[in-house]
Amino acid sequence: MRVYENVRTYIKKNGLNQSSIAKKAGISAKNFDAILNGKQTLCLDDLRAICYALNVRPEKFM
């Protein structure tokens, strides 16, 4: 699985709200959705921000 797929799976399994995660990560909801669907590249800075919002280490998704 790719990193963005692991993030998407984690969010779904934990019943988390994508909009609130995007807001906390400082990413627009539209871009966050594109990242989770593989339509936009997940850069390292965005991964760090998402992990901060989820309170998990980036290694969890690699």
N, C-alpha and C. Protein backbone atom coordinates (compact mmCIF):
# COMPACT_ATOMS: atom_id res chain seq x y z
N MET A 1 0.83 -1.20 0.00
CA MET A 1 0.00 0.00 0.00
C MET A 1 0.87 1.25 0.00
N ARG A 2 0.35 2.27 -0.60
CA ARG A 2 1.04 3.56 -0.62
C ARG A 2 0.71 4.32 0.66
N VAL A 3 1.53 5.31 0.95
CA VAL A 3 1.38 6.08 2.18
C VAL A 3 -0.02 6.70 2.26
N TYR A 4 -0.47 7.33 1.18
CA TYR A 4 -1.78 7.98 1.23
C TYR A 4 -2.90 6.96 1.48
N GLU A 5 -2.73 5.74 0.97
CA GLU A 5 -3.73 4.69 1.21
C GLU A 5 -3.73 4.29 2.68
N ASN A 6 -2.56 4.23 3.28
CA ASN A 6 -2.47 3.90 4.70
C ASN A 6 -3.12 4.97 5.56
N VAL A 7 -2.92 6.23 5.19
CA VAL A 7 -3.55 7.34 5.91
C VAL A 7 -5.07 7.23 5.78
N ARG A 8 -5.54 7.02 4.56
CA ARG A 8 -6.99 6.91 4.31
C ARG A 8 -7.59 5.76 5.11
N THR A 9 -6.92 4.61 5.12
CA THR A 9 -7.40 3.45 5.86
C THR A 9 -7.45 3.75 7.36
N TYR A 10 -6.42 4.39 7.87
CA TYR A 10 -6.38 4.74 9.30
C TYR A 10 -7.56 5.64 9.66
N ILE A 11 -7.83 6.63 8.83
CA ILE A 11 -8.93 7.55 9.10
C ILE A 11 -10.26 6.81 9.09
N LYS A 12 -10.46 5.94 8.11
CA LYS A 12 -11.72 5.19 8.02
C LYS A 12 -11.89 4.23 9.18
N LYS A 13 -10.82 3.47 9.51
CA LYS A 13 -10.91 2.49 10.59
C LYS A 13 -11.19 3.12 11.94
N ASN A 14 -10.72 4.36 12.11
CA ASN A 14 -10.91 5.05 13.39
C ASN A 14 -12.12 5.98 13.39
N GLY A 15 -12.87 5.97 12.30
CA GLY A 15 -14.10 6.76 12.22
C GLY A 15 -13.87 8.25 12.37
N LEU A 16 -12.76 8.74 11.83
CA LEU A 16 -12.41 10.15 11.98
C LEU A 16 -13.00 10.98 10.86
N ASN A 17 -13.14 12.27 11.12
CA ASN A 17 -13.72 13.20 10.17
C ASN A 17 -12.63 13.85 9.33
N GLN A 18 -12.69 13.66 8.02
CA GLN A 18 -11.66 14.19 7.13
C GLN A 18 -11.57 15.71 7.19
N SER A 19 -12.70 16.38 7.27
CA SER A 19 -12.70 17.85 7.28
C SER A 19 -11.98 18.40 8.50
N SER A 20 -12.23 17.81 9.65
CA SER A 20 -11.58 18.32 10.86
C SER A 20 -10.08 18.02 10.86
N ILE A 21 -9.69 16.89 10.29
CA ILE A 21 -8.26 16.56 10.19
C ILE A 21 -7.59 17.54 9.23
N ALA A 22 -8.22 17.79 8.10
CA ALA A 22 -7.67 18.73 7.13
C ALA A 22 -7.49 20.11 7.75
N LYS A 23 -8.50 20.56 8.47
CA LYS A 23 -8.44 21.87 9.11
C LYS A 23 -7.29 21.94 10.11
N LYS A 24 -7.17 20.93 10.95
CA LYS A 24 -6.10 20.92 11.96
C LYS A 24 -4.73 20.83 11.29
N ALA A 25 -4.65 20.16 10.14
CA ALA A 25 -3.39 20.02 9.42
C ALA A 25 -3.07 21.25 8.57
N GLY A 26 -4.03 22.15 8.42
CA GLY A 26 -3.81 23.34 7.61
C GLY A 26 -3.85 23.08 6.12
N ILE A 27 -4.62 22.06 5.74
CA ILE A 27 -4.77 21.69 4.33
C ILE A 27 -6.23 21.89 3.96
N SER A 28 -6.49 22.43 2.79
CA SER A 28 -7.89 22.61 2.40
C SER A 28 -8.56 21.24 2.28
N ALA A 29 -9.85 21.21 2.54
CA ALA A 29 -10.60 19.95 2.47
C ALA A 29 -10.51 19.35 1.06
N LYS A 30 -10.53 20.21 0.05
CA LYS A 30 -10.44 19.75 -1.35
C LYS A 30 -9.09 19.08 -1.60
N ASN A 31 -8.01 19.72 -1.17
CA ASN A 31 -6.68 19.14 -1.37
C ASN A 31 -6.49 17.87 -0.55
N PHE A 32 -7.02 17.87 0.66
CA PHE A 32 -6.91 16.69 1.51
C PHE A 32 -7.61 15.50 0.87
N ASP A 33 -8.79 15.74 0.32
CA ASP A 33 -9.52 14.68 -0.37
C ASP A 33 -8.73 14.19 -1.58
N ALA A 34 -8.13 15.11 -2.33
CA ALA A 34 -7.32 14.73 -3.49
C ALA A 34 -6.11 13.90 -3.07
N ILE A 35 -5.50 14.25 -1.95
CA ILE A 35 -4.36 13.48 -1.44
C ILE A 35 -4.80 12.07 -1.09
N LEU A 36 -5.90 11.95 -0.35
CA LEU A 36 -6.36 10.64 0.10
C LEU A 36 -6.84 9.75 -1.05
N ASN A 37 -7.15 10.36 -2.18
CA ASN A 37 -7.58 9.60 -3.35
C ASN A 37 -6.48 9.43 -4.39
N GLY A 38 -5.26 9.84 -4.04
CA GLY A 38 -4.13 9.66 -4.93
C GLY A 38 -4.11 10.59 -6.13
N LYS A 39 -4.92 11.63 -6.11
CA LYS A 39 -4.98 12.57 -7.23
C LYS A 39 -4.00 13.73 -7.06
N GLN A 40 -3.49 13.87 -5.85
CA GLN A 40 -2.50 14.90 -5.56
C GLN A 40 -1.38 14.24 -4.77
N THR A 41 -0.16 14.61 -5.07
CA THR A 41 0.99 14.02 -4.40
C THR A 41 1.01 14.40 -2.92
N LEU A 42 1.27 13.42 -2.09
CA LEU A 42 1.41 13.65 -0.65
C LEU A 42 2.86 14.00 -0.38
N CYS A 43 3.13 15.30 -0.18
CA CYS A 43 4.50 15.72 0.08
C CYS A 43 4.81 15.52 1.57
N LEU A 44 6.08 15.56 1.88
CA LEU A 44 6.53 15.31 3.25
C LEU A 44 5.94 16.31 4.24
N ASP A 45 5.88 17.58 3.86
CA ASP A 45 5.32 18.59 4.76
C ASP A 45 3.85 18.31 5.07
N ASP A 46 3.10 17.90 4.06
CA ASP A 46 1.69 17.56 4.28
C ASP A 46 1.56 16.32 5.15
N LEU A 47 2.41 15.34 4.93
CA LEU A 47 2.38 14.13 5.76
C LEU A 47 2.65 14.48 7.21
N ARG A 48 3.63 15.32 7.45
CA ARG A 48 3.93 15.75 8.83
C ARG A 48 2.73 16.45 9.45
N ALA A 49 2.09 17.34 8.69
CA ALA A 49 0.94 18.07 9.20
C ALA A 49 -0.23 17.13 9.50
N ILE A 50 -0.45 16.17 8.63
CA ILE A 50 -1.52 15.19 8.84
C ILE A 50 -1.23 14.35 10.07
N CYS A 51 -0.01 13.92 10.21
CA CYS A 51 0.37 13.12 11.38
C CYS A 51 0.21 13.91 12.66
N TYR A 52 0.56 15.20 12.62
CA TYR A 52 0.36 16.06 13.78
C TYR A 52 -1.13 16.13 14.12
N ALA A 53 -1.96 16.30 13.10
CA ALA A 53 -3.41 16.38 13.32
C ALA A 53 -3.97 15.08 13.88
N LEU A 54 -3.37 13.96 13.48
CA LEU A 54 -3.83 12.64 13.94
C LEU A 54 -3.14 12.20 15.23
N ASN A 55 -2.10 12.94 15.62
CA ASN A 55 -1.32 12.60 16.81
C ASN A 55 -0.65 11.23 16.68
N VAL A 56 -0.07 10.99 15.50
CA VAL A 56 0.67 9.75 15.24
C VAL A 56 1.99 10.09 14.55
N ARG A 57 2.93 9.18 14.61
CA ARG A 57 4.22 9.38 13.96
C ARG A 57 4.11 8.99 12.48
N PRO A 58 4.84 9.69 11.60
CA PRO A 58 4.78 9.39 10.17
C PRO A 58 5.13 7.94 9.83
N GLU A 59 5.99 7.33 10.63
CA GLU A 59 6.40 5.95 10.37
C GLU A 59 5.22 4.99 10.36
N LYS A 60 4.15 5.36 11.03
CA LYS A 60 2.97 4.50 11.09
C LYS A 60 2.39 4.23 9.70
N PHE A 61 2.60 5.16 8.79
CA PHE A 61 2.00 5.06 7.47
C PHE A 61 2.96 4.58 6.39
N MET A 62 4.17 4.26 6.75
CA MET A 62 5.18 3.86 5.76
C MET A 62 5.33 2.37 5.70
